[in-house]
Amino acid sequence: MKRKIFGNAAEKIDTYEESMEIEAPVSVDEQNAAREQIKRILESFIQAIAPGVEAKVSYACGPRTTVYKIDMPENLRGRLIGSQGRNICALRQVLAAMSGAAKFRAIIDLVV
């Protein structure tokens, strides 16, 4: 199909139309592998900010949402949260990016 558009606009439209193709859904096995990988990343992050601390990371899966529960000593939760919540916000952003690629939503819950 010949377009009557001047300059690079026709190329940009064709490229945009190609990128709009629908991706195949992610399989359940791929989602479970992503959940386990996220769990390992959370555990390694906690070990990095508080070495030698026994922190338990568990998760519960819903139809579209996974809730990661972090249970760690109360006196070290401040390190996980960080100054003005910077650490936990950054961790949530990484978690959202990884879970979004696997087509599910993820939430971090600090167990009190």
PDB file of N, CA and C in Angstrom:
ATOM      1  N   MET A   1       0.840  -1.174   0.000  1.00  0.00           N
ATOM      2  CA  MET A   1       0.000   0.000   0.000  1.00  0.00           C
ATOM      3  C   MET A   1       0.885   1.237   0.000  1.00  0.00           C
ATOM      4  N   LYS A   2       0.699   2.068  -0.948  1.00  0.00           N
ATOM      5  CA  LYS A   2       1.478   3.291  -1.090  1.00  0.00           C
ATOM      6  C   LYS A   2       0.819   4.407  -0.292  1.00  0.00           C
ATOM      7  N   ARG A   3       1.594   5.075   0.536  1.00  0.00           N
ATOM      8  CA  ARG A   3       1.064   6.162   1.340  1.00  0.00           C
ATOM      9  C   ARG A   3       1.500   7.483   0.745  1.00  0.00           C
ATOM     10  N   LYS A   4       0.644   8.463   0.819  1.00  0.00           N
ATOM     11  CA  LYS A   4       0.967   9.797   0.329  1.00  0.00           C
ATOM     12  C   LYS A   4       1.301  10.694   1.517  1.00  0.00           C
ATOM     13  N   ILE A   5       2.427  10.365   2.151  1.00  0.00           N
ATOM     14  CA  ILE A   5       2.898  11.136   3.289  1.00  0.00           C
ATOM     15  C   ILE A   5       4.331  11.548   2.960  1.00  0.00           C
ATOM     16  N   PHE A   6       4.680  12.749   3.303  1.00  0.00           N
ATOM     17  CA  PHE A   6       5.981  13.281   2.954  1.00  0.00           C
ATOM     18  C   PHE A   6       7.017  12.949   4.014  1.00  0.00           C
ATOM     19  N   GLY A   7       8.242  12.747   3.579  1.00  0.00           N
ATOM     20  CA  GLY A   7       9.353  12.536   4.497  1.00  0.00           C
ATOM     21  C   GLY A   7       9.333  11.154   5.122  1.00  0.00           C
ATOM     22  N   ASN A   8       9.816  11.069   6.366  1.00  0.00           N
ATOM     23  CA  ASN A   8       9.928   9.802   7.086  1.00  0.00           C
ATOM     24  C   ASN A   8       8.641   9.413   7.794  1.00  0.00           C
ATOM     25  N   ALA A   9       7.596  10.154   7.642  1.00  0.00           N
ATOM     26  CA  ALA A   9       6.352   9.873   8.361  1.00  0.00           C
ATOM     27  C   ALA A   9       5.793   8.506   7.979  1.00  0.00           C
ATOM     28  N   ALA A  10       5.884   8.115   6.696  1.00  0.00           N
ATOM     29  CA  ALA A  10       5.367   6.816   6.267  1.00  0.00           C
ATOM     30  C   ALA A  10       6.140   5.694   6.933  1.00  0.00           C
ATOM     31  N   GLU A  11       7.445   5.835   7.039  1.00  0.00           N
ATOM     32  CA  GLU A  11       8.260   4.820   7.695  1.00  0.00           C
ATOM     33  C   GLU A  11       7.912   4.718   9.173  1.00  0.00           C
ATOM     34  N   LYS A  12       7.693   5.858   9.814  1.00  0.00           N
ATOM     35  CA  LYS A  12       7.339   5.853  11.231  1.00  0.00           C
ATOM     36  C   LYS A  12       5.985   5.184  11.455  1.00  0.00           C
ATOM     37  N   ILE A  13       5.032   5.430  10.574  1.00  0.00           N
ATOM     38  CA  ILE A  13       3.706   4.820  10.719  1.00  0.00           C
ATOM     39  C   ILE A  13       3.803   3.314  10.533  1.00  0.00           C
ATOM     40  N   ASP A  14       4.555   2.852   9.537  1.00  0.00           N
ATOM     41  CA  ASP A  14       4.717   1.423   9.308  1.00  0.00           C
ATOM     42  C   ASP A  14       5.388   0.750  10.496  1.00  0.00           C
ATOM     43  N   THR A  15       6.407   1.386  11.048  1.00  0.00           N
ATOM     44  CA  THR A  15       7.094   0.839  12.209  1.00  0.00           C
ATOM     45  C   THR A  15       6.155   0.782  13.401  1.00  0.00           C
ATOM     46  N   TYR A  16       5.346   1.818  13.600  1.00  0.00           N
ATOM     47  CA  TYR A  16       4.399   1.842  14.708  1.00  0.00           C
ATOM     48  C   TYR A  16       3.365   0.739  14.549  1.00  0.00           C
ATOM     49  N   GLU A  17       2.850   0.532  13.336  1.00  0.00           N
ATOM     50  CA  GLU A  17       1.847  -0.506  13.105  1.00  0.00           C
ATOM     51  C   GLU A  17       2.415  -1.889  13.360  1.00  0.00           C
ATOM     52  N   GLU A  18       3.682  -2.110  13.022  1.00  0.00           N
ATOM     53  CA  GLU A  18       4.315  -3.396  13.278  1.00  0.00           C
ATOM     54  C   GLU A  18       4.499  -3.633  14.774  1.00  0.00           C
ATOM     55  N   SER A  19       4.783  -2.572  15.520  1.00  0.00           N
ATOM     56  CA  SER A  19       5.005  -2.728  16.959  1.00  0.00           C
ATOM     57  C   SER A  19       3.705  -2.929  17.730  1.00  0.00           C
ATOM     58  N   MET A  20       2.579  -2.685  17.121  1.00  0.00           N
ATOM     59  CA  MET A  20       1.293  -2.818  17.796  1.00  0.00           C
ATOM     60  C   MET A  20       0.755  -4.241  17.764  1.00  0.00           C
ATOM     61  N   GLU A  21       1.514  -5.186  17.218  1.00  0.00           N
ATOM     62  CA  GLU A  21       1.059  -6.555  17.173  1.00  0.00           C
ATOM     63  C   GLU A  21       0.899  -7.094  18.587  1.00  0.00           C
ATOM     64  N   ILE A  22      -0.101  -7.909  18.789  1.00  0.00           N
ATOM     65  CA  ILE A  22      -0.402  -8.451  20.117  1.00  0.00           C
ATOM     66  C   ILE A  22       0.560  -9.588  20.428  1.00  0.00           C
ATOM     67  N   GLU A  23       1.131  -9.536  21.628  1.00  0.00           N
ATOM     68  CA  GLU A  23       2.057 -10.577  22.058  1.00  0.00           C
ATOM     69  C   GLU A  23       1.279 -11.773  22.593  1.00  0.00           C
ATOM     70  N   ALA A  24       1.909 -12.925  22.515  1.00  0.00           N
ATOM     71  CA  ALA A  24       1.296 -14.136  23.040  1.00  0.00           C
ATOM     72  C   ALA A  24       1.266 -14.055  24.564  1.00  0.00           C
ATOM     73  N   PRO A  25       0.235 -14.604  25.200  1.00  0.00           N
ATOM     74  CA  PRO A  25       0.179 -14.569  26.662  1.00  0.00           C
ATOM     75  C   PRO A  25       1.297 -15.419  27.275  1.00  0.00           C
ATOM     76  N   VAL A  26       1.687 -15.045  28.478  1.00  0.00           N
ATOM     77  CA  VAL A  26       2.745 -15.743  29.195  1.00  0.00           C
ATOM     78  C   VAL A  26       2.147 -16.988  29.839  1.00  0.00           C
ATOM     79  N   SER A  27       2.857 -18.109  29.753  1.00  0.00           N
ATOM     80  CA  SER A  27       2.344 -19.354  30.320  1.00  0.00           C
ATOM     81  C   SER A  27       2.432 -19.333  31.846  1.00  0.00           C
ATOM     82  N   VAL A  28       1.713 -20.223  32.472  1.00  0.00           N
ATOM     83  CA  VAL A  28       1.691 -20.319  33.937  1.00  0.00           C
ATOM     84  C   VAL A  28       3.066 -20.720  34.457  1.00  0.00           C
ATOM     85  N   ASP A  29       3.753 -21.602  33.732  1.00  0.00           N
ATOM     86  CA  ASP A  29       5.096 -22.018  34.155  1.00  0.00           C
ATOM     87  C   ASP A  29       6.070 -20.850  34.133  1.00  0.00           C
ATOM     88  N   GLU A  30       5.964 -19.999  33.122  1.00  0.00           N
ATOM     89  CA  GLU A  30       6.828 -18.821  33.047  1.00  0.00           C
ATOM     90  C   GLU A  30       6.527 -17.845  34.181  1.00  0.00           C
ATOM     91  N   GLN A  31       5.244 -17.701  34.522  1.00  0.00           N
ATOM     92  CA  GLN A  31       4.883 -16.824  35.638  1.00  0.00           C
ATOM     93  C   GLN A  31       5.421 -17.375  36.953  1.00  0.00           C
ATOM     94  N   ASN A  32       5.318 -18.689  37.158  1.00  0.00           N
ATOM     95  CA  ASN A  32       5.830 -19.283  38.393  1.00  0.00           C
ATOM     96  C   ASN A  32       7.349 -19.156  38.481  1.00  0.00           C
ATOM     97  N   ALA A  33       8.031 -19.294  37.353  1.00  0.00           N
ATOM     98  CA  ALA A  33       9.486 -19.115  37.337  1.00  0.00           C
ATOM     99  C   ALA A  33       9.839 -17.670  37.679  1.00  0.00           C
ATOM    100  N   ALA A  34       9.072 -16.716  37.162  1.00  0.00           N
ATOM    101  CA  ALA A  34       9.310 -15.303  37.478  1.00  0.00           C
ATOM    102  C   ALA A  34       9.049 -15.037  38.954  1.00  0.00           C
ATOM    103  N   ARG A  35       8.028 -15.657  39.522  1.00  0.00           N
ATOM    104  CA  ARG A  35       7.732 -15.476  40.955  1.00  0.00           C
ATOM    105  C   ARG A  35       8.887 -15.970  41.821  1.00  0.00           C
ATOM    106  N   GLU A  36       9.432 -17.133  41.469  1.00  0.00           N
ATOM    107  CA  GLU A  36      10.559 -17.680  42.230  1.00  0.00           C
ATOM    108  C   GLU A  36      11.799 -16.800  42.074  1.00  0.00           C
ATOM    109  N   GLN A  37      12.019 -16.288  40.884  1.00  0.00           N
ATOM    110  CA  GLN A  37      13.158 -15.417  40.650  1.00  0.00           C
ATOM    111  C   GLN A  37      13.033 -14.127  41.457  1.00  0.00           C
ATOM    112  N   ILE A  38      11.843 -13.560  41.507  1.00  0.00           N
ATOM    113  CA  ILE A  38      11.612 -12.352  42.299  1.00  0.00           C
ATOM    114  C   ILE A  38      11.839 -12.638  43.782  1.00  0.00           C
ATOM    115  N   LYS A  39      11.400 -13.806  44.232  1.00  0.00           N
ATOM    116  CA  LYS A  39      11.603 -14.185  45.637  1.00  0.00           C
ATOM    117  C   LYS A  39      13.094 -14.260  45.960  1.00  0.00           C
ATOM    118  N   ARG A  40      13.886 -14.868  45.072  1.00  0.00           N
ATOM    119  CA  ARG A  40      15.333 -14.963  45.291  1.00  0.00           C
ATOM    120  C   ARG A  40      15.979 -13.574  45.290  1.00  0.00           C
ATOM    121  N   ILE A  41      15.513 -12.687  44.420  1.00  0.00           N
ATOM    122  CA  ILE A  41      16.060 -11.326  44.377  1.00  0.00           C
ATOM    123  C   ILE A  41      15.753 -10.581  45.673  1.00  0.00           C
ATOM    124  N   LEU A  42      14.529 -10.724  46.181  1.00  0.00           N
ATOM    125  CA  LEU A  42      14.177 -10.083  47.456  1.00  0.00           C
ATOM    126  C   LEU A  42      15.051 -10.607  48.587  1.00  0.00           C
ATOM    127  N   GLU A  43      15.264 -11.923  48.621  1.00  0.00           N
ATOM    128  CA  GLU A  43      16.101 -12.510  49.674  1.00  0.00           C
ATOM    129  C   GLU A  43      17.535 -12.012  49.582  1.00  0.00           C
ATOM    130  N   SER A  44      18.072 -11.927  48.371  1.00  0.00           N
ATOM    131  CA  SER A  44      19.455 -11.448  48.225  1.00  0.00           C
ATOM    132  C   SER A  44      19.570  -9.967  48.567  1.00  0.00           C
ATOM    133  N   PHE A  45      18.547  -9.176  48.256  1.00  0.00           N
ATOM    134  CA  PHE A  45      18.550  -7.756  48.613  1.00  0.00           C
ATOM    135  C   PHE A  45      18.560  -7.594  50.133  1.00  0.00           C
ATOM    136  N   ILE A  46      17.748  -8.371  50.808  1.00  0.00           N
ATOM    137  CA  ILE A  46      17.685  -8.288  52.273  1.00  0.00           C
ATOM    138  C   ILE A  46      19.015  -8.708  52.882  1.00  0.00           C
ATOM    139  N   GLN A  47      19.631  -9.761  52.339  1.00  0.00           N
ATOM    140  CA  GLN A  47      20.929 -10.187  52.848  1.00  0.00           C
ATOM    141  C   GLN A  47      22.007  -9.130  52.603  1.00  0.00           C
ATOM    142  N   ALA A  48      21.874  -8.371  51.516  1.00  0.00           N
ATOM    143  CA  ALA A  48      22.862  -7.334  51.211  1.00  0.00           C
ATOM    144  C   ALA A  48      22.761  -6.150  52.165  1.00  0.00           C
ATOM    145  N   ILE A  49      21.535  -5.765  52.548  1.00  0.00           N
ATOM    146  CA  ILE A  49      21.398  -4.606  53.429  1.00  0.00           C
ATOM    147  C   ILE A  49      21.514  -4.965  54.896  1.00  0.00           C
ATOM    148  N   ALA A  50      21.275  -6.236  55.247  1.00  0.00           N
ATOM    149  CA  ALA A  50      21.381  -6.674  56.640  1.00  0.00           C
ATOM    150  C   ALA A  50      22.001  -8.074  56.670  1.00  0.00           C
ATOM    151  N   PRO A  51      23.340  -8.161  56.564  1.00  0.00           N
ATOM    152  CA  PRO A  51      23.984  -9.475  56.522  1.00  0.00           C
ATOM    153  C   PRO A  51      23.747 -10.275  57.795  1.00  0.00           C
ATOM    154  N   GLY A  52      23.550 -11.565  57.625  1.00  0.00           N
ATOM    155  CA  GLY A  52      23.377 -12.455  58.757  1.00  0.00           C
ATOM    156  C   GLY A  52      21.993 -12.441  59.387  1.00  0.00           C
ATOM    157  N   VAL A  53      21.066 -11.732  58.803  1.00  0.00           N
ATOM    158  CA  VAL A  53      19.723 -11.623  59.359  1.00  0.00           C
ATOM    159  C   VAL A  53      18.847 -12.724  58.766  1.00  0.00           C
ATOM    160  N   GLU A  54      18.059 -13.345  59.615  1.00  0.00           N
ATOM    161  CA  GLU A  54      17.122 -14.363  59.151  1.00  0.00           C
ATOM    162  C   GLU A  54      15.838 -13.677  58.726  1.00  0.00           C
ATOM    163  N   ALA A  55      15.672 -13.505  57.449  1.00  0.00           N
ATOM    164  CA  ALA A  55      14.458 -12.906  56.900  1.00  0.00           C
ATOM    165  C   ALA A  55      13.762 -13.956  56.051  1.00  0.00           C
ATOM    166  N   LYS A  56      12.466 -14.036  56.200  1.00  0.00           N
ATOM    167  CA  LYS A  56      11.690 -15.011  55.437  1.00  0.00           C
ATOM    168  C   LYS A  56      10.871 -14.273  54.387  1.00  0.00           C
ATOM    169  N   VAL A  57      10.998 -14.722  53.165  1.00  0.00           N
ATOM    170  CA  VAL A  57      10.212 -14.167  52.065  1.00  0.00           C
ATOM    171  C   VAL A  57       9.296 -15.274  51.569  1.00  0.00           C
ATOM    172  N   SER A  58       8.011 -14.990  51.597  1.00  0.00           N
ATOM    173  CA  SER A  58       7.035 -15.941  51.063  1.00  0.00           C
ATOM    174  C   SER A  58       6.087 -15.174  50.154  1.00  0.00           C
ATOM    175  N   TYR A  59       5.355 -15.909  49.354  1.00  0.00           N
ATOM    176  CA  TYR A  59       4.407 -15.238  48.475  1.00  0.00           C
ATOM    177  C   TYR A  59       3.129 -16.048  48.353  1.00  0.00           C
ATOM    178  N   ALA A  60       2.056 -15.308  48.103  1.00  0.00           N
ATOM    179  CA  ALA A  60       0.744 -15.903  47.890  1.00  0.00           C
ATOM    180  C   ALA A  60       0.241 -15.429  46.535  1.00  0.00           C
ATOM    181  N   CYS A  61      -0.216 -16.378  45.740  1.00  0.00           N
ATOM    182  CA  CYS A  61      -0.652 -16.062  44.375  1.00  0.00           C
ATOM    183  C   CYS A  61      -2.163 -15.971  44.307  1.00  0.00           C
ATOM    184  N   GLY A  62      -2.622 -14.924  43.640  1.00  0.00           N
ATOM    185  CA  GLY A  62      -4.025 -14.780  43.303  1.00  0.00           C
ATOM    186  C   GLY A  62      -4.173 -14.952  41.806  1.00  0.00           C
ATOM    187  N   PRO A  63      -5.350 -14.678  41.267  1.00  0.00           N
ATOM    188  CA  PRO A  63      -5.526 -14.834  39.822  1.00  0.00           C
ATOM    189  C   PRO A  63      -4.652 -13.896  38.990  1.00  0.00           C
ATOM    190  N   ARG A  64      -4.447 -12.668  39.455  1.00  0.00           N
ATOM    191  CA  ARG A  64      -3.628 -11.711  38.700  1.00  0.00           C
ATOM    192  C   ARG A  64      -2.594 -11.008  39.561  1.00  0.00           C
ATOM    193  N   THR A  65      -2.602 -11.240  40.867  1.00  0.00           N
ATOM    194  CA  THR A  65      -1.730 -10.525  41.791  1.00  0.00           C
ATOM    195  C   THR A  65      -0.967 -11.501  42.667  1.00  0.00           C
ATOM    196  N   THR A  66       0.290 -11.190  42.907  1.00  0.00           N
ATOM    197  CA  THR A  66       1.117 -11.961  43.825  1.00  0.00           C
ATOM    198  C   THR A  66       1.561 -11.031  44.942  1.00  0.00           C
ATOM    199  N   VAL A  67       1.361 -11.458  46.186  1.00  0.00           N
ATOM    200  CA  VAL A  67       1.746 -10.668  47.353  1.00  0.00           C
ATOM    201  C   VAL A  67       2.975 -11.322  47.981  1.00  0.00           C
ATOM    202  N   TYR A  68       4.069 -10.573  48.025  1.00  0.00           N
ATOM    203  CA  TYR A  68       5.298 -11.048  48.654  1.00  0.00           C
ATOM    204  C   TYR A  68       5.327 -10.539  50.081  1.00  0.00           C
ATOM    205  N   LYS A  69       5.422 -11.470  51.036  1.00  0.00           N
ATOM    206  CA  LYS A  69       5.454 -11.109  52.450  1.00  0.00           C
ATOM    207  C   LYS A  69       6.879 -11.251  52.956  1.00  0.00           C
ATOM    208  N   ILE A  70       7.392 -10.182  53.537  1.00  0.00           N
ATOM    209  CA  ILE A  70       8.741 -10.173  54.078  1.00  0.00           C
ATOM    210  C   ILE A  70       8.636 -10.111  55.594  1.00  0.00           C
ATOM    211  N   ASP A  71       9.177 -11.129  56.254  1.00  0.00           N
ATOM    212  CA  ASP A  71       9.177 -11.193  57.711  1.00  0.00           C
ATOM    213  C   ASP A  71      10.630 -11.090  58.172  1.00  0.00           C
ATOM    214  N   MET A  72      10.939  -9.980  58.827  1.00  0.00           N
ATOM    215  CA  MET A  72      12.286  -9.769  59.338  1.00  0.00           C
ATOM    216  C   MET A  72      12.205  -9.081  60.689  1.00  0.00           C
ATOM    217  N   PRO A  73      13.303  -9.103  61.464  1.00  0.00           N
ATOM    218  CA  PRO A  73      13.275  -8.466  62.784  1.00  0.00           C
ATOM    219  C   PRO A  73      12.874  -6.992  62.699  1.00  0.00           C
ATOM    220  N   GLU A  74      12.126  -6.579  63.701  1.00  0.00           N
ATOM    221  CA  GLU A  74      11.572  -5.223  63.715  1.00  0.00           C
ATOM    222  C   GLU A  74      12.646  -4.146  63.722  1.00  0.00           C
ATOM    223  N   ASN A  75      13.759  -4.413  64.396  1.00  0.00           N
ATOM    224  CA  ASN A  75      14.802  -3.380  64.497  1.00  0.00           C
ATOM    225  C   ASN A  75      15.551  -3.174  63.180  1.00  0.00           C
ATOM    226  N   LEU A  76      15.393  -4.061  62.201  1.00  0.00           N
ATOM    227  CA  LEU A  76      16.082  -3.921  60.917  1.00  0.00           C
ATOM    228  C   LEU A  76      15.148  -3.540  59.768  1.00  0.00           C
ATOM    229  N   ARG A  77      13.897  -3.349  60.059  1.00  0.00           N
ATOM    230  CA  ARG A  77      12.957  -2.956  58.995  1.00  0.00           C
ATOM    231  C   ARG A  77      13.267  -1.572  58.446  1.00  0.00           C
ATOM    232  N   GLY A  78      13.830  -0.727  59.270  1.00  0.00           N
ATOM    233  CA  GLY A  78      14.194   0.617  58.825  1.00  0.00           C
ATOM    234  C   GLY A  78      15.215   0.599  57.700  1.00  0.00           C
ATOM    235  N   ARG A  79      16.124  -0.376  57.740  1.00  0.00           N
ATOM    236  CA  ARG A  79      17.095  -0.501  56.658  1.00  0.00           C
ATOM    237  C   ARG A  79      16.414  -0.895  55.354  1.00  0.00           C
ATOM    238  N   LEU A  80      15.435  -1.764  55.441  1.00  0.00           N
ATOM    239  CA  LEU A  80      14.711  -2.187  54.239  1.00  0.00           C
ATOM    240  C   LEU A  80      13.894  -1.027  53.670  1.00  0.00           C
ATOM    241  N   ILE A  81      13.275  -0.260  54.561  1.00  0.00           N
ATOM    242  CA  ILE A  81      12.459   0.873  54.105  1.00  0.00           C
ATOM    243  C   ILE A  81      13.359   1.994  53.579  1.00  0.00           C
ATOM    244  N   GLY A  82      14.444   2.287  54.261  1.00  0.00           N
ATOM    245  CA  GLY A  82      15.381   3.307  53.810  1.00  0.00           C
ATOM    246  C   GLY A  82      14.936   4.699  54.184  1.00  0.00           C
ATOM    247  N   SER A  83      15.808   5.652  53.914  1.00  0.00           N
ATOM    248  CA  SER A  83      15.522   7.043  54.220  1.00  0.00           C
ATOM    249  C   SER A  83      14.390   7.551  53.338  1.00  0.00           C
ATOM    250  N   GLN A  84      13.335   8.004  53.978  1.00  0.00           N
ATOM    251  CA  GLN A  84      12.121   8.484  53.308  1.00  0.00           C
ATOM    252  C   GLN A  84      11.526   7.450  52.355  1.00  0.00           C
ATOM    253  N   GLY A  85      11.764   6.157  52.643  1.00  0.00           N
ATOM    254  CA  GLY A  85      11.167   5.090  51.843  1.00  0.00           C
ATOM    255  C   GLY A  85      11.839   4.846  50.507  1.00  0.00           C
ATOM    256  N   ARG A  86      13.050   5.330  50.337  1.00  0.00           N
ATOM    257  CA  ARG A  86      13.711   5.204  49.037  1.00  0.00           C
ATOM    258  C   ARG A  86      14.023   3.760  48.677  1.00  0.00           C
ATOM    259  N   ASN A  87      14.509   2.970  49.640  1.00  0.00           N
ATOM    260  CA  ASN A  87      14.859   1.578  49.339  1.00  0.00           C
ATOM    261  C   ASN A  87      13.634   0.771  48.941  1.00  0.00           C
ATOM    262  N   ILE A  88      12.587   0.868  49.723  1.00  0.00           N
ATOM    263  CA  ILE A  88      11.395   0.063  49.447  1.00  0.00           C
ATOM    264  C   ILE A  88      10.717   0.514  48.155  1.00  0.00           C
ATOM    265  N   CYS A  89      10.754   1.802  47.869  1.00  0.00           N
ATOM    266  CA  CYS A  89      10.170   2.294  46.610  1.00  0.00           C
ATOM    267  C   CYS A  89      10.953   1.779  45.409  1.00  0.00           C
ATOM    268  N   ALA A  90      12.262   1.802  45.505  1.00  0.00           N
ATOM    269  CA  ALA A  90      13.092   1.289  44.414  1.00  0.00           C
ATOM    270  C   ALA A  90      12.869  -0.209  44.233  1.00  0.00           C
ATOM    271  N   LEU A  91      12.770  -0.914  45.340  1.00  0.00           N
ATOM    272  CA  LEU A  91      12.528  -2.355  45.280  1.00  0.00           C
ATOM    273  C   LEU A  91      11.164  -2.654  44.661  1.00  0.00           C
ATOM    274  N   ARG A  92      10.164  -1.862  45.007  1.00  0.00           N
ATOM    275  CA  ARG A  92       8.836  -2.039  44.419  1.00  0.00           C
ATOM    276  C   ARG A  92       8.836  -1.749  42.924  1.00  0.00           C
ATOM    277  N   GLN A  93       9.617  -0.781  42.481  1.00  0.00           N
ATOM    278  CA  GLN A  93       9.692  -0.479  41.051  1.00  0.00           C
ATOM    279  C   GLN A  93      10.334  -1.624  40.279  1.00  0.00           C
ATOM    280  N   VAL A  94      11.400  -2.195  40.828  1.00  0.00           N
ATOM    281  CA  VAL A  94      12.045  -3.341  40.184  1.00  0.00           C
ATOM    282  C   VAL A  94      11.080  -4.514  40.152  1.00  0.00           C
ATOM    283  N   LEU A  95      10.389  -4.722  41.250  1.00  0.00           N
ATOM    284  CA  LEU A  95       9.412  -5.806  41.348  1.00  0.00           C
ATOM    285  C   LEU A  95       8.289  -5.623  40.330  1.00  0.00           C
ATOM    286  N   ALA A  96       7.813  -4.406  40.178  1.00  0.00           N
ATOM    287  CA  ALA A  96       6.739  -4.130  39.214  1.00  0.00           C
ATOM    288  C   ALA A  96       7.208  -4.365  37.776  1.00  0.00           C
ATOM    289  N   ALA A  97       8.437  -3.992  37.488  1.00  0.00           N
ATOM    290  CA  ALA A  97       8.958  -4.197  36.133  1.00  0.00           C
ATOM    291  C   ALA A  97       9.099  -5.684  35.818  1.00  0.00           C
ATOM    292  N   MET A  98       9.598  -6.436  36.760  1.00  0.00           N
ATOM    293  CA  MET A  98       9.777  -7.874  36.527  1.00  0.00           C
ATOM    294  C   MET A  98       8.446  -8.595  36.428  1.00  0.00           C
ATOM    295  N   SER A  99       7.526  -8.244  37.307  1.00  0.00           N
ATOM    296  CA  SER A  99       6.226  -8.920  37.278  1.00  0.00           C
ATOM    297  C   SER A  99       5.408  -8.472  36.070  1.00  0.00           C
ATOM    298  N   GLY A 100       5.568  -7.229  35.653  1.00  0.00           N
ATOM    299  CA  GLY A 100       4.855  -6.740  34.474  1.00  0.00           C
ATOM    300  C   GLY A 100       5.283  -7.473  33.218  1.00  0.00           C
ATOM    301  N   ALA A 101       6.564  -7.826  33.136  1.00  0.00           N
ATOM    302  CA  ALA A 101       7.053  -8.581  31.988  1.00  0.00           C
ATOM    303  C   ALA A 101       6.441  -9.975  31.953  1.00  0.00           C
ATOM    304  N   ALA A 102       6.105 -10.503  33.135  1.00  0.00           N
ATOM    305  CA  ALA A 102       5.497 -11.831  33.229  1.00  0.00           C
ATOM    306  C   ALA A 102       3.970 -11.759  33.278  1.00  0.00           C
ATOM    307  N   LYS A 103       3.408 -10.568  33.099  1.00  0.00           N
ATOM    308  CA  LYS A 103       1.955 -10.342  33.004  1.00  0.00           C
ATOM    309  C   LYS A 103       1.197 -10.636  34.293  1.00  0.00           C
ATOM    310  N   PHE A 104       1.791 -10.247  35.438  1.00  0.00           N
ATOM    311  CA  PHE A 104       1.040 -10.278  36.691  1.00  0.00           C
ATOM    312  C   PHE A 104       1.464  -9.098  37.534  1.00  0.00           C
ATOM    313  N   ARG A 105       0.701  -8.791  38.555  1.00  0.00           N
ATOM    314  CA  ARG A 105       0.957  -7.669  39.452  1.00  0.00           C
ATOM    315  C   ARG A 105       1.582  -8.198  40.730  1.00  0.00           C
ATOM    316  N   ALA A 106       2.508  -7.458  41.299  1.00  0.00           N
ATOM    317  CA  ALA A 106       3.185  -7.896  42.511  1.00  0.00           C
ATOM    318  C   ALA A 106       3.179  -6.779  43.552  1.00  0.00           C
ATOM    319  N   ILE A 107       3.009  -7.189  44.803  1.00  0.00           N
ATOM    320  CA  ILE A 107       2.952  -6.253  45.932  1.00  0.00           C
ATOM    321  C   ILE A 107       3.893  -6.746  47.018  1.00  0.00           C
ATOM    322  N   ILE A 108       4.605  -5.823  47.671  1.00  0.00           N
ATOM    323  CA  ILE A 108       5.446  -6.172  48.819  1.00  0.00           C
ATOM    324  C   ILE A 108       4.694  -5.818  50.095  1.00  0.00           C
ATOM    325  N   ASP A 109       4.643  -6.770  51.016  1.00  0.00           N
ATOM    326  CA  ASP A 109       3.966  -6.551  52.297  1.00  0.00           C
ATOM    327  C   ASP A 109       4.978  -6.859  53.405  1.00  0.00           C
ATOM    328  N   LEU A 110       5.238  -5.874  54.256  1.00  0.00           N
ATOM    329  CA  LEU A 110       6.106  -6.094  55.412  1.00  0.00           C
ATOM    330  C   LEU A 110       5.265  -6.627  56.561  1.00  0.00           C
ATOM    331  N   VAL A 111       5.585  -7.825  57.013  1.00  0.00           N
ATOM    332  CA  VAL A 111       4.829  -8.463  58.097  1.00  0.00           C
ATOM    333  C   VAL A 111       5.240  -7.838  59.411  1.00  0.00           C
ATOM    334  N   VAL A 112       4.258  -7.400  60.201  1.00  0.00           N
ATOM    335  CA  VAL A 112       4.515  -6.754  61.486  1.00  0.00           C
ATOM    336  C   VAL A 112       4.446  -7.772  62.594  1.00  0.00           C
TER     337      VAL A 112
END
